[in-house]
Structure formats: structure tokens, C-alpha cells
Amino acid sequence: MKNLILIAKIDIQETFASKWFLFYLLTFAGLIAIFFVTGVVDSRVAGFSGLTRMLLLFIQICIIILPIFILITTVRSINSDRETGALEYLLSFPVSLKEYYFGKALGRAFTVFLPIFIALILSLIIAIFKNVDIPWGVFFYYTLLLLVLSFTFLSFGFLISSLIKSSELGLGFSFLFWLFLLAFLDLALIGLMMQSSINENIIYSISLANPMQVFRIAAISLFDPNLAVIGPAAYFILDGFGKINFLIYSALYPTLLGIICMIFGYISFSKKDLV
């Protein structure tokens, strides 16, 4: 554990000194500042106002841009150490592969979620300053959802980094993977539904295997319990899961998926040539 924490501290220090982290931090803190300046907290749209409306906008944006931020920065985590010789140097000390791999994951998890946490705290401060009601249940669930989202795509990033040695190839694959989850999978399923006689419940099940789709629907369900905006798929979700069970599924399934990817990433990392 001592070596694992040491590797995590080294990774955190390197991240804090990098320019991408400053840009990452300013991006999400800037989103909250923009919402404040443009009067989002004071506006009312479709019955949503105050912090509720700010959180709805914030998480919808995070679901799109946070995964690609995490993938691009995480996929280089191991590969950059391998290319610069830092990996060979660190392993010359009494540090096991497991301590190195999970230490890097722990340090990167901290730096990935820290800007999100700061942005959420800033939104609370703004809500208190503006004297608006704070939906604590929604706030804590959204915090959990963003934490799970971060962990899931962090695990994807480490799995890709373990499978693909080249940083450039890893970055390209990460971008294509993000596009696939964001758009291509939905478009392919819509096309499949329109051109074939496959049962729509099978299509919906495949769609709910996409973690980005799960996060998106979970975010919507807190404000639209009937899920009217997603059309007929709402009946499949509400009848098959129920609102509470789907919210539990939205947090539990991506977490398990992230754990599986992290473990497979470690197995691949430990069995391949390290340099």
C-alpha cells in the first residue's frame, strides 16, 4: 500500500504541473461561471429553475465532453511513462506491477474528479449566494453519477493504454471509441430498427448497454419521471425497471463495467512486454 500511494502521489504531482489539467479545471469551473453570468439560475424553462436547472445543464454537458477529456488524458498515462523510460526506471525499484498500475489509476482518478467536485461546490456556493432552494437529493445523486462516469471512462482509458502501446494510436482509438458510444451506436440501432423486424426490446437492451446512454437517461429521469423526451423507449425502461431501480442500475452497471475493464487492463498490462 505504501508504494501504491507513492505512485499515486507522483502521478498527482505530475498532473498538477501539466497544462492540460489547468485547462481541464478551468473548463468545468468556467461552465458554472457562464451559467451564473448568463442568468441560468434565475431563469425558468419547462418548470425547471434555480440550482435544479443549472445541474441539469451541467450534467448534460458533462456526459458529452467529460468522457473524451478522461480518455485522451488517461490513455497516455502508461504509454507516456513507457516512451519516456519512466516506467522502466520506476520498476527498477521494489515496486510491483500491481502497485504501479493501480497507483497510477488512483492518482488519475483523483485528478479527474477533482475539477468536477470543485465545479459542483461552486454551484452550491452560487445557490446559497442567490438564496435559491437546493435539491439535495438531486445534487448528491448527480455527484454520484459524475463520479461513476469518471471511473468508468478512466477504466476504459487504462484498458486501451494497456492494449495499445503507441500513444498516437491510443489517442486515435479513444476518439473513435467515444464517437461510437456518443453517436454511431445510436444511429446504427435506429437504422437497424427501421430496416429490420428485430424486436424493439432487443434494440433497447443493446442501447442500455451503452454507458453514455445510461447516464443520459438517468440524468433526464430525475426531472422527467415519465421520460417523455425519449419516446417509446420510456415504456421499456419504466415497465422493465421502474424509476428507482433504473437509477440504481445507472450507478451500479457502469461501476461493474469499470471494475471489469480495470481488471482486464491490469491482466493485459502484466502479461505484455513492458518496454
C-alpha atoms as a PDB file:
ATOM      1  CA  MET A   1       0.000   0.000   0.000  1.00  0.00           C
ATOM      2  CA  LYS A   2       2.884   2.377   0.716  1.00  0.00           C
ATOM      3  CA  ASN A   3       4.259   2.019  -2.819  1.00  0.00           C
ATOM      4  CA  LEU A   4       0.767   2.292  -4.327  1.00  0.00           C
ATOM      5  CA  ILE A   5       0.129   5.590  -2.505  1.00  0.00           C
ATOM      6  CA  LEU A   6       3.586   6.812  -3.517  1.00  0.00           C
ATOM      7  CA  ILE A   7       2.897   6.102  -7.218  1.00  0.00           C
ATOM      8  CA  ALA A   8      -0.473   7.874  -6.872  1.00  0.00           C
ATOM      9  CA  LYS A   9       1.214  10.940  -5.318  1.00  0.00           C
ATOM     10  CA  ILE A  10       3.803  11.068  -8.109  1.00  0.00           C
ATOM     11  CA  ASP A  11       1.052  10.933 -10.731  1.00  0.00           C
ATOM     12  CA  ILE A  12      -0.964  13.661  -8.944  1.00  0.00           C
ATOM     13  CA  GLN A  13       2.075  15.943  -8.733  1.00  0.00           C
ATOM     14  CA  GLU A  14       2.865  15.440 -12.420  1.00  0.00           C
ATOM     15  CA  THR A  15      -0.754  16.142 -13.340  1.00  0.00           C
ATOM     16  CA  PHE A  16      -0.943  19.325 -11.277  1.00  0.00           C
ATOM     17  CA  ALA A  17       2.181  20.591 -13.064  1.00  0.00           C
ATOM     18  CA  SER A  18       0.754  19.920 -16.537  1.00  0.00           C
ATOM     19  CA  LYS A  19      -1.077  22.459 -18.692  1.00  0.00           C
ATOM     20  CA  TRP A  20      -3.902  20.100 -19.643  1.00  0.00           C
ATOM     21  CA  PHE A  21      -5.033  19.893 -16.011  1.00  0.00           C
ATOM     22  CA  LEU A  22      -5.285  23.686 -15.759  1.00  0.00           C
ATOM     23  CA  PHE A  23      -7.349  23.720 -18.961  1.00  0.00           C
ATOM     24  CA  TYR A  24      -9.472  20.834 -17.637  1.00  0.00           C
ATOM     25  CA  LEU A  25     -10.079  22.659 -14.343  1.00  0.00           C
ATOM     26  CA  LEU A  26     -10.921  25.977 -15.999  1.00  0.00           C
ATOM     27  CA  THR A  27     -13.297  24.286 -18.450  1.00  0.00           C
ATOM     28  CA  PHE A  28     -15.647  22.898 -15.818  1.00  0.00           C
ATOM     29  CA  ALA A  29     -15.322  25.792 -13.374  1.00  0.00           C
ATOM     30  CA  GLY A  30     -15.892  28.106 -16.349  1.00  0.00           C
ATOM     31  CA  LEU A  31     -19.133  26.305 -17.209  1.00  0.00           C
ATOM     32  CA  ILE A  32     -20.554  27.133 -13.790  1.00  0.00           C
ATOM     33  CA  ALA A  33     -19.334  30.739 -14.100  1.00  0.00           C
ATOM     34  CA  ILE A  34     -21.023  31.022 -17.518  1.00  0.00           C
ATOM     35  CA  PHE A  35     -24.288  29.698 -16.107  1.00  0.00           C
ATOM     36  CA  PHE A  36     -24.062  32.306 -13.350  1.00  0.00           C
ATOM     37  CA  VAL A  37     -23.242  35.226 -15.675  1.00  0.00           C
ATOM     38  CA  THR A  38     -25.940  34.329 -18.217  1.00  0.00           C
ATOM     39  CA  GLY A  39     -28.626  34.134 -15.524  1.00  0.00           C
ATOM     40  CA  VAL A  40     -29.374  30.408 -15.775  1.00  0.00           C
ATOM     41  CA  VAL A  41     -30.026  30.252 -12.019  1.00  0.00           C
ATOM     42  CA  ASP A  42     -32.673  32.987 -12.279  1.00  0.00           C
ATOM     43  CA  SER A  43     -34.413  31.642 -15.394  1.00  0.00           C
ATOM     44  CA  ARG A  44     -37.239  29.142 -15.626  1.00  0.00           C
ATOM     45  CA  VAL A  45     -37.611  26.758 -18.577  1.00  0.00           C
ATOM     46  CA  ALA A  46     -40.119  23.894 -18.713  1.00  0.00           C
ATOM     47  CA  GLY A  47     -40.706  24.265 -14.974  1.00  0.00           C
ATOM     48  CA  PHE A  48     -37.012  23.985 -14.011  1.00  0.00           C
ATOM     49  CA  SER A  49     -35.283  26.848 -12.252  1.00  0.00           C
ATOM     50  CA  GLY A  50     -32.537  27.671  -9.761  1.00  0.00           C
ATOM     51  CA  LEU A  51     -29.878  25.067  -8.978  1.00  0.00           C
ATOM     52  CA  THR A  52     -32.053  22.342 -10.499  1.00  0.00           C
ATOM     53  CA  ARG A  53     -31.802  23.961 -13.938  1.00  0.00           C
ATOM     54  CA  MET A  54     -28.064  24.580 -13.526  1.00  0.00           C
ATOM     55  CA  LEU A  55     -27.409  20.954 -12.566  1.00  0.00           C
ATOM     56  CA  LEU A  56     -29.485  19.691 -15.487  1.00  0.00           C
ATOM     57  CA  LEU A  57     -27.467  21.751 -17.972  1.00  0.00           C
ATOM     58  CA  PHE A  58     -24.150  20.933 -16.303  1.00  0.00           C
ATOM     59  CA  ILE A  59     -24.580  17.163 -16.286  1.00  0.00           C
ATOM     60  CA  GLN A  60     -25.880  17.065 -19.869  1.00  0.00           C
ATOM     61  CA  ILE A  61     -22.718  18.864 -20.992  1.00  0.00           C
ATOM     62  CA  CYS A  62     -20.509  16.653 -18.788  1.00  0.00           C
ATOM     63  CA  ILE A  63     -21.965  13.459 -20.254  1.00  0.00           C
ATOM     64  CA  ILE A  64     -20.734  14.575 -23.691  1.00  0.00           C
ATOM     65  CA  ILE A  65     -17.358  16.213 -23.011  1.00  0.00           C
ATOM     66  CA  LEU A  66     -16.158  14.546 -19.803  1.00  0.00           C
ATOM     67  CA  PRO A  67     -15.605  11.068 -21.348  1.00  0.00           C
ATOM     68  CA  ILE A  68     -13.366  12.375 -24.141  1.00  0.00           C
ATOM     69  CA  PHE A  69     -11.393  14.512 -21.655  1.00  0.00           C
ATOM     70  CA  ILE A  70     -10.799  11.468 -19.472  1.00  0.00           C
ATOM     71  CA  LEU A  71      -9.980   9.105 -22.351  1.00  0.00           C
ATOM     72  CA  ILE A  72      -7.482  11.451 -24.002  1.00  0.00           C
ATOM     73  CA  THR A  73      -5.619  12.192 -20.773  1.00  0.00           C
ATOM     74  CA  THR A  74      -5.778   8.670 -19.331  1.00  0.00           C
ATOM     75  CA  VAL A  75      -4.797   6.694 -22.410  1.00  0.00           C
ATOM     76  CA  ARG A  76      -1.386   8.365 -22.317  1.00  0.00           C
ATOM     77  CA  SER A  77      -0.890   7.601 -18.632  1.00  0.00           C
ATOM     78  CA  ILE A  78       1.044   4.344 -19.022  1.00  0.00           C
ATOM     79  CA  ASN A  79       2.224   4.878 -22.597  1.00  0.00           C
ATOM     80  CA  SER A  80       3.946   8.181 -21.824  1.00  0.00           C
ATOM     81  CA  ASP A  81       5.857   6.523 -18.964  1.00  0.00           C
ATOM     82  CA  ARG A  82       6.800   3.679 -21.289  1.00  0.00           C
ATOM     83  CA  GLU A  83       8.008   6.016 -24.056  1.00  0.00           C
ATOM     84  CA  THR A  84       9.998   8.326 -21.781  1.00  0.00           C
ATOM     85  CA  GLY A  85      11.611   5.455 -19.866  1.00  0.00           C
ATOM     86  CA  ALA A  86       9.918   6.414 -16.582  1.00  0.00           C
ATOM     87  CA  LEU A  87       8.166   3.050 -16.403  1.00  0.00           C
ATOM     88  CA  GLU A  88      11.444   1.115 -16.655  1.00  0.00           C
ATOM     89  CA  TYR A  89      13.003   3.433 -14.070  1.00  0.00           C
ATOM     90  CA  LEU A  90      10.153   3.060 -11.553  1.00  0.00           C
ATOM     91  CA  LEU A  91      10.088  -0.712 -11.898  1.00  0.00           C
ATOM     92  CA  SER A  92      13.815  -0.845 -11.139  1.00  0.00           C
ATOM     93  CA  PHE A  93      12.781  -0.044  -7.550  1.00  0.00           C
ATOM     94  CA  PRO A  94      10.950  -2.585  -5.360  1.00  0.00           C
ATOM     95  CA  VAL A  95       7.588  -1.648  -6.934  1.00  0.00           C
ATOM     96  CA  SER A  96       5.312  -4.410  -8.215  1.00  0.00           C
ATOM     97  CA  LEU A  97       3.324  -4.171 -11.428  1.00  0.00           C
ATOM     98  CA  LYS A  98       0.090  -4.174  -9.419  1.00  0.00           C
ATOM     99  CA  GLU A  99       1.260  -1.268  -7.249  1.00  0.00           C
ATOM    100  CA  TYR A 100       2.320   0.722 -10.296  1.00  0.00           C
ATOM    101  CA  TYR A 101      -0.854   0.080 -12.319  1.00  0.00           C
ATOM    102  CA  PHE A 102      -3.393   0.710  -9.560  1.00  0.00           C
ATOM    103  CA  GLY A 103      -1.312   3.547  -8.106  1.00  0.00           C
ATOM    104  CA  LYS A 104      -1.472   5.321 -11.478  1.00  0.00           C
ATOM    105  CA  ALA A 105      -5.219   4.630 -11.621  1.00  0.00           C
ATOM    106  CA  LEU A 106      -5.768   6.015  -8.111  1.00  0.00           C
ATOM    107  CA  GLY A 107      -3.777   9.180  -8.799  1.00  0.00           C
ATOM    108  CA  ARG A 108      -5.507   9.769 -12.131  1.00  0.00           C
ATOM    109  CA  ALA A 109      -8.946   9.155 -10.576  1.00  0.00           C
ATOM    110  CA  PHE A 110      -8.269  11.883  -8.019  1.00  0.00           C
ATOM    111  CA  THR A 111      -7.167  14.442 -10.601  1.00  0.00           C
ATOM    112  CA  VAL A 112     -10.023  13.563 -12.967  1.00  0.00           C
ATOM    113  CA  PHE A 113     -12.787  14.039 -10.398  1.00  0.00           C
ATOM    114  CA  LEU A 114     -11.283  16.999  -8.510  1.00  0.00           C
ATOM    115  CA  PRO A 115     -12.307  19.678 -11.099  1.00  0.00           C
ATOM    116  CA  ILE A 116     -15.843  18.214 -11.232  1.00  0.00           C
ATOM    117  CA  PHE A 117     -16.083  18.314  -7.446  1.00  0.00           C
ATOM    118  CA  ILE A 118     -14.839  21.912  -7.365  1.00  0.00           C
ATOM    119  CA  ALA A 119     -17.419  22.884 -10.014  1.00  0.00           C
ATOM    120  CA  LEU A 120     -20.223  21.247  -8.006  1.00  0.00           C
ATOM    121  CA  ILE A 121     -19.131  23.009  -4.802  1.00  0.00           C
ATOM    122  CA  LEU A 122     -19.038  26.276  -6.754  1.00  0.00           C
ATOM    123  CA  SER A 123     -22.614  25.658  -7.882  1.00  0.00           C
ATOM    124  CA  LEU A 124     -23.651  25.201  -4.240  1.00  0.00           C
ATOM    125  CA  ILE A 125     -21.952  28.469  -3.265  1.00  0.00           C
ATOM    126  CA  ILE A 126     -23.771  30.254  -6.093  1.00  0.00           C
ATOM    127  CA  ALA A 127     -27.090  28.755  -4.989  1.00  0.00           C
ATOM    128  CA  ILE A 128     -26.529  29.903  -1.395  1.00  0.00           C
ATOM    129  CA  PHE A 129     -25.451  33.354  -2.612  1.00  0.00           C
ATOM    130  CA  LYS A 130     -28.568  33.627  -4.812  1.00  0.00           C
ATOM    131  CA  ASN A 131     -30.763  32.327  -1.968  1.00  0.00           C
ATOM    132  CA  VAL A 132     -32.356  29.557  -4.060  1.00  0.00           C
ATOM    133  CA  ASP A 133     -33.572  26.159  -2.938  1.00  0.00           C
ATOM    134  CA  ILE A 134     -31.021  23.342  -3.079  1.00  0.00           C
ATOM    135  CA  PRO A 135     -32.377  19.932  -4.220  1.00  0.00           C
ATOM    136  CA  TRP A 136     -30.036  17.881  -2.042  1.00  0.00           C
ATOM    137  CA  GLY A 137     -31.254  14.510  -3.309  1.00  0.00           C
ATOM    138  CA  VAL A 138     -30.674  15.502  -6.936  1.00  0.00           C
ATOM    139  CA  PHE A 139     -27.334  17.120  -6.082  1.00  0.00           C
ATOM    140  CA  PHE A 140     -25.931  14.038  -4.315  1.00  0.00           C
ATOM    141  CA  TYR A 141     -27.204  11.637  -6.987  1.00  0.00           C
ATOM    142  CA  TYR A 142     -25.691  13.767  -9.750  1.00  0.00           C
ATOM    143  CA  THR A 143     -22.414  13.852  -7.840  1.00  0.00           C
ATOM    144  CA  LEU A 144     -22.519  10.047  -7.619  1.00  0.00           C
ATOM    145  CA  LEU A 145     -23.401   9.810 -11.312  1.00  0.00           C
ATOM    146  CA  LEU A 146     -20.459  12.005 -12.330  1.00  0.00           C
ATOM    147  CA  LEU A 147     -18.138  10.009 -10.056  1.00  0.00           C
ATOM    148  CA  VAL A 148     -19.280   6.755 -11.682  1.00  0.00           C
ATOM    149  CA  LEU A 149     -18.988   8.311 -15.163  1.00  0.00           C
ATOM    150  CA  SER A 150     -15.420   9.393 -14.393  1.00  0.00           C
ATOM    151  CA  PHE A 151     -14.452   5.976 -13.040  1.00  0.00           C
ATOM    152  CA  THR A 152     -15.994   4.107 -15.979  1.00  0.00           C
ATOM    153  CA  PHE A 153     -14.151   6.071 -18.664  1.00  0.00           C
ATOM    154  CA  LEU A 154     -10.983   6.106 -16.560  1.00  0.00           C
ATOM    155  CA  SER A 155     -11.139   2.301 -16.671  1.00  0.00           C
ATOM    156  CA  PHE A 156     -11.726   2.367 -20.431  1.00  0.00           C
ATOM    157  CA  GLY A 157      -8.680   4.621 -20.788  1.00  0.00           C
ATOM    158  CA  PHE A 158      -6.429   2.313 -18.771  1.00  0.00           C
ATOM    159  CA  LEU A 159      -7.656  -0.723 -20.697  1.00  0.00           C
ATOM    160  CA  ILE A 160      -6.856   0.981 -24.017  1.00  0.00           C
ATOM    161  CA  SER A 161      -3.492   2.136 -22.677  1.00  0.00           C
ATOM    162  CA  SER A 162      -2.666  -1.438 -21.678  1.00  0.00           C
ATOM    163  CA  LEU A 163      -3.701  -2.918 -25.027  1.00  0.00           C
ATOM    164  CA  ILE A 164      -2.159  -0.289 -27.337  1.00  0.00           C
ATOM    165  CA  LYS A 165       1.463   0.695 -26.738  1.00  0.00           C
ATOM    166  CA  SER A 166       1.597   3.670 -29.106  1.00  0.00           C
ATOM    167  CA  SER A 167       0.297   6.956 -27.641  1.00  0.00           C
ATOM    168  CA  GLU A 168      -0.820   8.272 -31.043  1.00  0.00           C
ATOM    169  CA  LEU A 169      -2.666   5.045 -31.876  1.00  0.00           C
ATOM    170  CA  GLY A 170      -4.222   5.009 -28.409  1.00  0.00           C
ATOM    171  CA  LEU A 171      -5.453   8.601 -28.779  1.00  0.00           C
ATOM    172  CA  GLY A 172      -6.984   7.836 -32.166  1.00  0.00           C
ATOM    173  CA  PHE A 173      -8.722   4.713 -30.885  1.00  0.00           C
ATOM    174  CA  SER A 174     -10.020   6.611 -27.833  1.00  0.00           C
ATOM    175  CA  PHE A 175     -11.564   9.282 -30.035  1.00  0.00           C
ATOM    176  CA  LEU A 176     -13.242   6.692 -32.273  1.00  0.00           C
ATOM    177  CA  PHE A 177     -14.488   4.787 -29.210  1.00  0.00           C
ATOM    178  CA  TRP A 178     -16.024   7.995 -27.815  1.00  0.00           C
ATOM    179  CA  LEU A 179     -17.698   8.759 -31.157  1.00  0.00           C
ATOM    180  CA  PHE A 180     -19.026   5.204 -31.319  1.00  0.00           C
ATOM    181  CA  LEU A 181     -20.662   5.454 -27.892  1.00  0.00           C
ATOM    182  CA  LEU A 182     -21.869   9.011 -28.436  1.00  0.00           C
ATOM    183  CA  ALA A 183     -23.404   8.823 -31.888  1.00  0.00           C
ATOM    184  CA  PHE A 184     -22.613   5.814 -34.060  1.00  0.00           C
ATOM    185  CA  LEU A 185     -24.204   3.226 -31.775  1.00  0.00           C
ATOM    186  CA  ASP A 186     -27.499   5.137 -31.532  1.00  0.00           C
ATOM    187  CA  LEU A 187     -27.582   5.784 -35.279  1.00  0.00           C
ATOM    188  CA  ALA A 188     -26.825   2.134 -36.046  1.00  0.00           C
ATOM    189  CA  LEU A 189     -29.593   0.943 -33.711  1.00  0.00           C
ATOM    190  CA  ILE A 190     -32.111   3.384 -35.208  1.00  0.00           C
ATOM    191  CA  GLY A 191     -31.209   2.194 -38.700  1.00  0.00           C
ATOM    192  CA  LEU A 192     -31.461  -1.449 -37.582  1.00  0.00           C
ATOM    193  CA  MET A 193     -34.890  -0.823 -36.071  1.00  0.00           C
ATOM    194  CA  MET A 194     -36.180   0.859 -39.236  1.00  0.00           C
ATOM    195  CA  GLN A 195     -34.845  -1.708 -41.726  1.00  0.00           C
ATOM    196  CA  SER A 196     -35.391  -4.993 -39.916  1.00  0.00           C
ATOM    197  CA  SER A 197     -38.032  -6.865 -37.992  1.00  0.00           C
ATOM    198  CA  ILE A 198     -35.912  -7.283 -34.877  1.00  0.00           C
ATOM    199  CA  ASN A 199     -37.921  -6.878 -31.687  1.00  0.00           C
ATOM    200  CA  GLU A 200     -37.598  -3.326 -30.398  1.00  0.00           C
ATOM    201  CA  ASN A 201     -36.948  -4.600 -26.859  1.00  0.00           C
ATOM    202  CA  ILE A 202     -33.699  -6.177 -28.094  1.00  0.00           C
ATOM    203  CA  ILE A 203     -32.705  -2.831 -29.610  1.00  0.00           C
ATOM    204  CA  TYR A 204     -33.486  -1.030 -26.353  1.00  0.00           C
ATOM    205  CA  SER A 205     -31.473  -3.589 -24.371  1.00  0.00           C
ATOM    206  CA  ILE A 206     -28.430  -3.096 -26.608  1.00  0.00           C
ATOM    207  CA  SER A 207     -28.823   0.672 -26.245  1.00  0.00           C
ATOM    208  CA  LEU A 208     -28.884   0.411 -22.442  1.00  0.00           C
ATOM    209  CA  ALA A 209     -25.570  -1.450 -22.579  1.00  0.00           C
ATOM    210  CA  ASN A 210     -24.040   1.860 -23.706  1.00  0.00           C
ATOM    211  CA  PRO A 211     -22.889   3.627 -20.501  1.00  0.00           C
ATOM    212  CA  MET A 212     -23.239   7.090 -22.047  1.00  0.00           C
ATOM    213  CA  GLN A 213     -26.867   6.346 -22.907  1.00  0.00           C
ATOM    214  CA  VAL A 214     -27.483   5.083 -19.390  1.00  0.00           C
ATOM    215  CA  PHE A 215     -26.034   8.261 -17.840  1.00  0.00           C
ATOM    216  CA  ARG A 216     -28.048  10.450 -20.213  1.00  0.00           C
ATOM    217  CA  ILE A 217     -31.370   8.776 -19.421  1.00  0.00           C
ATOM    218  CA  ALA A 218     -30.658   8.722 -15.669  1.00  0.00           C
ATOM    219  CA  ALA A 219     -29.997  12.472 -15.725  1.00  0.00           C
ATOM    220  CA  ILE A 220     -33.247  13.095 -17.593  1.00  0.00           C
ATOM    221  CA  SER A 221     -35.336  10.799 -15.359  1.00  0.00           C
ATOM    222  CA  LEU A 222     -34.840  12.955 -12.256  1.00  0.00           C
ATOM    223  CA  PHE A 223     -36.591  15.860 -13.977  1.00  0.00           C
ATOM    224  CA  ASP A 224     -38.898  13.978 -16.336  1.00  0.00           C
ATOM    225  CA  PRO A 225     -40.162  10.901 -14.424  1.00  0.00           C
ATOM    226  CA  ASN A 226     -42.215   9.770 -17.441  1.00  0.00           C
ATOM    227  CA  LEU A 227     -39.198  10.051 -19.811  1.00  0.00           C
ATOM    228  CA  ALA A 228     -41.436  11.620 -22.450  1.00  0.00           C
ATOM    229  CA  VAL A 229     -38.449  13.056 -24.361  1.00  0.00           C
ATOM    230  CA  ILE A 230     -37.061   9.617 -25.308  1.00  0.00           C
ATOM    231  CA  GLY A 231     -40.277   8.338 -26.867  1.00  0.00           C
ATOM    232  CA  PRO A 232     -41.405   4.674 -26.875  1.00  0.00           C
ATOM    233  CA  ALA A 233     -38.211   3.525 -25.141  1.00  0.00           C
ATOM    234  CA  ALA A 234     -39.633   5.071 -21.969  1.00  0.00           C
ATOM    235  CA  TYR A 235     -42.202   2.260 -21.703  1.00  0.00           C
ATOM    236  CA  PHE A 236     -39.457  -0.368 -21.915  1.00  0.00           C
ATOM    237  CA  ILE A 237     -37.433   1.351 -19.156  1.00  0.00           C
ATOM    238  CA  LEU A 238     -40.311   2.195 -16.814  1.00  0.00           C
ATOM    239  CA  ASP A 239     -42.057  -1.170 -17.220  1.00  0.00           C
ATOM    240  CA  GLY A 240     -38.874  -3.222 -17.125  1.00  0.00           C
ATOM    241  CA  PHE A 241     -37.028  -1.377 -14.361  1.00  0.00           C
ATOM    242  CA  GLY A 242     -39.171   1.220 -12.634  1.00  0.00           C
ATOM    243  CA  LYS A 243     -37.759   4.654 -11.831  1.00  0.00           C
ATOM    244  CA  ILE A 244     -35.878   3.758  -8.619  1.00  0.00           C
ATOM    245  CA  ASN A 245     -34.462   0.503  -9.988  1.00  0.00           C
ATOM    246  CA  PHE A 246     -33.270   2.271 -13.125  1.00  0.00           C
ATOM    247  CA  LEU A 247     -31.469   4.908 -11.043  1.00  0.00           C
ATOM    248  CA  ILE A 248     -29.760   2.084  -9.126  1.00  0.00           C
ATOM    249  CA  TYR A 249     -28.896   0.335 -12.408  1.00  0.00           C
ATOM    250  CA  SER A 250     -27.463   3.607 -13.787  1.00  0.00           C
ATOM    251  CA  ALA A 251     -24.939   3.734 -10.953  1.00  0.00           C
ATOM    252  CA  LEU A 252     -24.285   0.018 -10.469  1.00  0.00           C
ATOM    253  CA  TYR A 253     -23.892  -1.234 -14.054  1.00  0.00           C
ATOM    254  CA  PRO A 254     -21.236   1.309 -15.189  1.00  0.00           C
ATOM    255  CA  THR A 255     -19.344   0.743 -11.923  1.00  0.00           C
ATOM    256  CA  LEU A 256     -19.195  -3.021 -12.513  1.00  0.00           C
ATOM    257  CA  LEU A 257     -18.242  -2.407 -16.149  1.00  0.00           C
ATOM    258  CA  GLY A 258     -15.434  -0.104 -14.986  1.00  0.00           C
ATOM    259  CA  ILE A 259     -14.138  -2.676 -12.487  1.00  0.00           C
ATOM    260  CA  ILE A 260     -14.097  -5.384 -15.171  1.00  0.00           C
ATOM    261  CA  CYS A 261     -12.239  -3.124 -17.623  1.00  0.00           C
ATOM    262  CA  MET A 262      -9.720  -2.104 -14.945  1.00  0.00           C
ATOM    263  CA  ILE A 263      -9.009  -5.750 -14.078  1.00  0.00           C
ATOM    264  CA  PHE A 264      -8.668  -6.794 -17.720  1.00  0.00           C
ATOM    265  CA  GLY A 265      -6.415  -3.802 -18.284  1.00  0.00           C
ATOM    266  CA  TYR A 266      -4.137  -4.937 -15.470  1.00  0.00           C
ATOM    267  CA  ILE A 267      -4.056  -8.522 -16.782  1.00  0.00           C
ATOM    268  CA  SER A 268      -3.096  -7.264 -20.244  1.00  0.00           C
ATOM    269  CA  PHE A 269      -0.502  -4.875 -18.793  1.00  0.00           C
ATOM    270  CA  SER A 270       1.126  -7.556 -16.650  1.00  0.00           C
ATOM    271  CA  LYS A 271       1.368 -10.134 -19.440  1.00  0.00           C
ATOM    272  CA  LYS A 272       2.756  -7.946 -22.239  1.00  0.00           C
ATOM    273  CA  ASP A 273       6.266  -6.600 -22.745  1.00  0.00           C
ATOM    274  CA  LEU A 274       6.586  -3.525 -20.542  1.00  0.00           C
ATOM    275  CA  VAL A 275       9.091  -1.572 -22.642  1.00  0.00           C
END
